[in-house]
């Protein structure tokens, strides 16, 4: 099926570009809509929403930022650390908005699992339902993300 021009342009932007050297799609060759639908279905299966996940990620990020690069105990089971690289990244969707190049690593002390995300990742999940394509540097598998942060 031929993609509408606006989706086609968005997919081109999501591939390796001046915004993200590795691209938001990674090695994933599925059409964007298929990626979005698969991740949305996974969220339904997991019983979580993009807004609930984004709220939790924001809470963890805010706690981690107070630690200035050190590990911070967020709650009974989450430790997190934030690093800040100067600059901002724009959202690849066609709307205004830039996000600090802050990255967080969260560790679930109960399971020992860790996961990493950026400030832009939170926006992409909450506003666009996009966890990035498989193989991208910041791909967040919904089941692993939920397992670590909740």
C-alpha atoms as a PDB file:
ATOM      1  CA  UNK A   1       0.000   0.000   0.000  1.00  0.00           C
ATOM      2  CA  UNK A   2       1.328   3.424  -0.931  1.00  0.00           C
ATOM      3  CA  UNK A   3       1.890   5.760   2.017  1.00  0.00           C
ATOM      4  CA  UNK A   4       0.265   9.210   2.065  1.00  0.00           C
ATOM      5  CA  UNK A   5       2.862  11.938   1.320  1.00  0.00           C
ATOM      6  CA  UNK A   6       2.887  13.276   4.909  1.00  0.00           C
ATOM      7  CA  UNK A   7       3.537   9.804   6.387  1.00  0.00           C
ATOM      8  CA  UNK A   8       6.193   9.140   3.758  1.00  0.00           C
ATOM      9  CA  UNK A   9       7.977  12.401   4.649  1.00  0.00           C
ATOM     10  CA  UNK A  10       7.751  11.600   8.374  1.00  0.00           C
ATOM     11  CA  UNK A  11       9.241   8.139   7.794  1.00  0.00           C
ATOM     12  CA  UNK A  12      12.113   9.727   5.876  1.00  0.00           C
ATOM     13  CA  UNK A  13      12.735  12.100   8.806  1.00  0.00           C
ATOM     14  CA  UNK A  14      12.614   9.205  11.276  1.00  0.00           C
ATOM     15  CA  UNK A  15      15.349   7.367   9.408  1.00  0.00           C
ATOM     16  CA  UNK A  16      18.944   8.522   9.885  1.00  0.00           C
ATOM     17  CA  UNK A  17      18.979  12.286   9.445  1.00  0.00           C
ATOM     18  CA  UNK A  18      20.501  15.472  10.799  1.00  0.00           C
ATOM     19  CA  UNK A  19      18.152  15.162  13.813  1.00  0.00           C
ATOM     20  CA  UNK A  20      19.401  11.702  14.814  1.00  0.00           C
ATOM     21  CA  UNK A  21      22.487  10.165  13.240  1.00  0.00           C
ATOM     22  CA  UNK A  22      21.321   6.605  13.947  1.00  0.00           C
ATOM     23  CA  UNK A  23      17.717   7.393  13.159  1.00  0.00           C
ATOM     24  CA  UNK A  24      14.586   6.802  15.170  1.00  0.00           C
ATOM     25  CA  UNK A  25      13.646   3.747  13.113  1.00  0.00           C
ATOM     26  CA  UNK A  26      16.909   1.848  13.691  1.00  0.00           C
ATOM     27  CA  UNK A  27      17.045  -1.315  11.610  1.00  0.00           C
ATOM     28  CA  UNK A  28      13.252  -1.722  11.702  1.00  0.00           C
ATOM     29  CA  UNK A  29      11.879  -2.014   8.173  1.00  0.00           C
ATOM     30  CA  UNK A  30       8.212  -2.092   9.167  1.00  0.00           C
ATOM     31  CA  UNK A  31       6.101   0.876   8.105  1.00  0.00           C
ATOM     32  CA  UNK A  32       5.646   3.476  10.838  1.00  0.00           C
ATOM     33  CA  UNK A  33       1.948   2.715  11.201  1.00  0.00           C
ATOM     34  CA  UNK A  34       2.695  -0.966  11.809  1.00  0.00           C
ATOM     35  CA  UNK A  35       5.213  -0.094  14.529  1.00  0.00           C
ATOM     36  CA  UNK A  36       2.729   2.250  16.209  1.00  0.00           C
ATOM     37  CA  UNK A  37      -0.067  -0.331  16.084  1.00  0.00           C
ATOM     38  CA  UNK A  38       2.129  -3.141  17.430  1.00  0.00           C
ATOM     39  CA  UNK A  39       3.297  -1.044  20.376  1.00  0.00           C
ATOM     40  CA  UNK A  40      -0.253   0.183  21.082  1.00  0.00           C
ATOM     41  CA  UNK A  41      -1.469  -3.426  21.156  1.00  0.00           C
ATOM     42  CA  UNK A  42       1.337  -4.340  23.533  1.00  0.00           C
ATOM     43  CA  UNK A  43       0.327  -1.517  25.878  1.00  0.00           C
ATOM     44  CA  UNK A  44      -3.260  -2.794  25.919  1.00  0.00           C
ATOM     45  CA  UNK A  45      -1.962  -6.279  26.751  1.00  0.00           C
ATOM     46  CA  UNK A  46       0.194  -4.820  29.546  1.00  0.00           C
ATOM     47  CA  UNK A  47      -2.668  -2.705  30.921  1.00  0.00           C
ATOM     48  CA  UNK A  48      -0.823   0.612  30.632  1.00  0.00           C
ATOM     49  CA  UNK A  49      -1.299   3.851  28.718  1.00  0.00           C
ATOM     50  CA  UNK A  50       1.198   6.123  27.034  1.00  0.00           C
ATOM     51  CA  UNK A  51       0.281   8.957  29.422  1.00  0.00           C
ATOM     52  CA  UNK A  52       0.730   6.758  32.503  1.00  0.00           C
ATOM     53  CA  UNK A  53       4.095   5.541  31.259  1.00  0.00           C
ATOM     54  CA  UNK A  54       5.205   9.088  30.377  1.00  0.00           C
ATOM     55  CA  UNK A  55       4.162  10.375  33.816  1.00  0.00           C
ATOM     56  CA  UNK A  56       6.208   7.662  35.535  1.00  0.00           C
ATOM     57  CA  UNK A  57       9.217   8.318  33.267  1.00  0.00           C
ATOM     58  CA  UNK A  58       9.008  12.070  34.012  1.00  0.00           C
ATOM     59  CA  UNK A  59       8.872  11.385  37.760  1.00  0.00           C
ATOM     60  CA  UNK A  60      11.942   9.137  37.575  1.00  0.00           C
ATOM     61  CA  UNK A  61      13.784  11.648  35.370  1.00  0.00           C
ATOM     62  CA  UNK A  62      13.045  14.549  37.734  1.00  0.00           C
ATOM     63  CA  UNK A  63      14.366  12.540  40.680  1.00  0.00           C
ATOM     64  CA  UNK A  64      17.479  11.480  38.764  1.00  0.00           C
ATOM     65  CA  UNK A  65      18.249  15.047  37.648  1.00  0.00           C
ATOM     66  CA  UNK A  66      18.507  16.115  41.290  1.00  0.00           C
ATOM     67  CA  UNK A  67      21.416  13.683  41.678  1.00  0.00           C
ATOM     68  CA  UNK A  68      23.682  15.479  39.193  1.00  0.00           C
ATOM     69  CA  UNK A  69      24.993  12.272  37.592  1.00  0.00           C
ATOM     70  CA  UNK A  70      24.922  10.178  40.768  1.00  0.00           C
ATOM     71  CA  UNK A  71      22.544   7.311  41.421  1.00  0.00           C
ATOM     72  CA  UNK A  72      19.399   8.438  43.233  1.00  0.00           C
ATOM     73  CA  UNK A  73      16.924   6.229  45.074  1.00  0.00           C
ATOM     74  CA  UNK A  74      13.593   7.200  43.472  1.00  0.00           C
ATOM     75  CA  UNK A  75      11.395   4.868  45.524  1.00  0.00           C
ATOM     76  CA  UNK A  76      11.515   1.381  47.078  1.00  0.00           C
ATOM     77  CA  UNK A  77      12.515  -0.350  43.833  1.00  0.00           C
ATOM     78  CA  UNK A  78      13.881   2.281  41.422  1.00  0.00           C
ATOM     79  CA  UNK A  79      17.311   3.854  41.285  1.00  0.00           C
ATOM     80  CA  UNK A  80      18.131   6.311  38.515  1.00  0.00           C
ATOM     81  CA  UNK A  81      20.931   8.452  37.163  1.00  0.00           C
ATOM     82  CA  UNK A  82      20.724  11.321  34.680  1.00  0.00           C
ATOM     83  CA  UNK A  83      23.346  12.729  32.362  1.00  0.00           C
ATOM     84  CA  UNK A  84      22.988  15.946  30.460  1.00  0.00           C
ATOM     85  CA  UNK A  85      24.639  16.654  27.142  1.00  0.00           C
ATOM     86  CA  UNK A  86      24.377  20.278  26.158  1.00  0.00           C
ATOM     87  CA  UNK A  87      21.881  21.052  23.462  1.00  0.00           C
ATOM     88  CA  UNK A  88      18.390  20.128  22.402  1.00  0.00           C
ATOM     89  CA  UNK A  89      16.706  17.749  19.989  1.00  0.00           C
ATOM     90  CA  UNK A  90      13.601  18.646  18.000  1.00  0.00           C
ATOM     91  CA  UNK A  91      10.678  16.272  17.750  1.00  0.00           C
ATOM     92  CA  UNK A  92      10.756  14.615  14.307  1.00  0.00           C
ATOM     93  CA  UNK A  93       6.972  15.044  13.921  1.00  0.00           C
ATOM     94  CA  UNK A  94       6.000  18.249  12.133  1.00  0.00           C
ATOM     95  CA  UNK A  95       5.219  20.456  15.118  1.00  0.00           C
ATOM     96  CA  UNK A  96       7.306  22.811  17.246  1.00  0.00           C
ATOM     97  CA  UNK A  97       9.093  21.479  20.283  1.00  0.00           C
ATOM     98  CA  UNK A  98      12.636  20.793  21.406  1.00  0.00           C
ATOM     99  CA  UNK A  99      13.849  18.586  24.243  1.00  0.00           C
ATOM    100  CA  UNK A 100      17.032  18.728  26.289  1.00  0.00           C
ATOM    101  CA  UNK A 101      19.602  16.051  25.549  1.00  0.00           C
ATOM    102  CA  UNK A 102      19.112  14.558  28.989  1.00  0.00           C
ATOM    103  CA  UNK A 103      19.385  10.794  29.274  1.00  0.00           C
ATOM    104  CA  UNK A 104      18.256   8.681  32.215  1.00  0.00           C
ATOM    105  CA  UNK A 105      19.224   5.177  33.224  1.00  0.00           C
ATOM    106  CA  UNK A 106      16.727   3.558  35.581  1.00  0.00           C
ATOM    107  CA  UNK A 107      17.434   0.368  37.482  1.00  0.00           C
ATOM    108  CA  UNK A 108      14.804  -1.787  39.135  1.00  0.00           C
ATOM    109  CA  UNK A 109      16.504  -3.137  42.254  1.00  0.00           C
ATOM    110  CA  UNK A 110      13.937  -5.936  42.579  1.00  0.00           C
ATOM    111  CA  UNK A 111      14.616  -7.392  39.119  1.00  0.00           C
ATOM    112  CA  UNK A 112      18.086  -5.999  38.406  1.00  0.00           C
ATOM    113  CA  UNK A 113      16.897  -4.801  34.983  1.00  0.00           C
ATOM    114  CA  UNK A 114      17.892  -1.403  33.613  1.00  0.00           C
ATOM    115  CA  UNK A 115      16.586   0.794  30.828  1.00  0.00           C
ATOM    116  CA  UNK A 116      17.677   4.104  29.288  1.00  0.00           C
ATOM    117  CA  UNK A 117      15.650   6.924  27.761  1.00  0.00           C
ATOM    118  CA  UNK A 118      15.906  10.564  26.793  1.00  0.00           C
ATOM    119  CA  UNK A 119      13.678  13.557  27.427  1.00  0.00           C
ATOM    120  CA  UNK A 120      12.585  13.266  23.788  1.00  0.00           C
ATOM    121  CA  UNK A 121      11.620   9.613  24.384  1.00  0.00           C
ATOM    122  CA  UNK A 122       8.993  10.707  26.915  1.00  0.00           C
ATOM    123  CA  UNK A 123       7.454  13.115  24.408  1.00  0.00           C
ATOM    124  CA  UNK A 124       7.501  10.564  21.574  1.00  0.00           C
ATOM    125  CA  UNK A 125       5.692   8.003  23.741  1.00  0.00           C
ATOM    126  CA  UNK A 126       3.134  10.373  25.246  1.00  0.00           C
ATOM    127  CA  UNK A 127       2.257  12.442  22.196  1.00  0.00           C
ATOM    128  CA  UNK A 128       2.875  10.038  19.322  1.00  0.00           C
ATOM    129  CA  UNK A 129       2.746   6.527  20.829  1.00  0.00           C
ATOM    130  CA  UNK A 130       6.214   5.983  19.355  1.00  0.00           C
ATOM    131  CA  UNK A 131       8.740   3.859  21.249  1.00  0.00           C
ATOM    132  CA  UNK A 132      11.129   4.082  18.254  1.00  0.00           C
ATOM    133  CA  UNK A 133      11.956   1.352  15.785  1.00  0.00           C
ATOM    134  CA  UNK A 134      13.743  -1.865  16.647  1.00  0.00           C
ATOM    135  CA  UNK A 135      17.495  -1.420  16.549  1.00  0.00           C
ATOM    136  CA  UNK A 136      17.458   2.311  17.289  1.00  0.00           C
ATOM    137  CA  UNK A 137      19.714   3.519  20.099  1.00  0.00           C
ATOM    138  CA  UNK A 138      16.752   4.647  22.213  1.00  0.00           C
ATOM    139  CA  UNK A 139      14.170   1.957  21.306  1.00  0.00           C
ATOM    140  CA  UNK A 140      12.103   1.200  24.386  1.00  0.00           C
ATOM    141  CA  UNK A 141      10.398  -2.182  24.272  1.00  0.00           C
ATOM    142  CA  UNK A 142       7.090  -1.493  26.023  1.00  0.00           C
ATOM    143  CA  UNK A 143       7.143  -4.736  28.057  1.00  0.00           C
ATOM    144  CA  UNK A 144      10.692  -4.149  29.308  1.00  0.00           C
ATOM    145  CA  UNK A 145       9.996  -0.477  30.061  1.00  0.00           C
ATOM    146  CA  UNK A 146       6.892  -1.363  32.067  1.00  0.00           C
ATOM    147  CA  UNK A 147       8.749  -4.161  33.867  1.00  0.00           C
ATOM    148  CA  UNK A 148      11.541  -1.813  34.933  1.00  0.00           C
ATOM    149  CA  UNK A 149       9.669   1.362  35.905  1.00  0.00           C
ATOM    150  CA  UNK A 150       6.544  -0.060  37.595  1.00  0.00           C
END
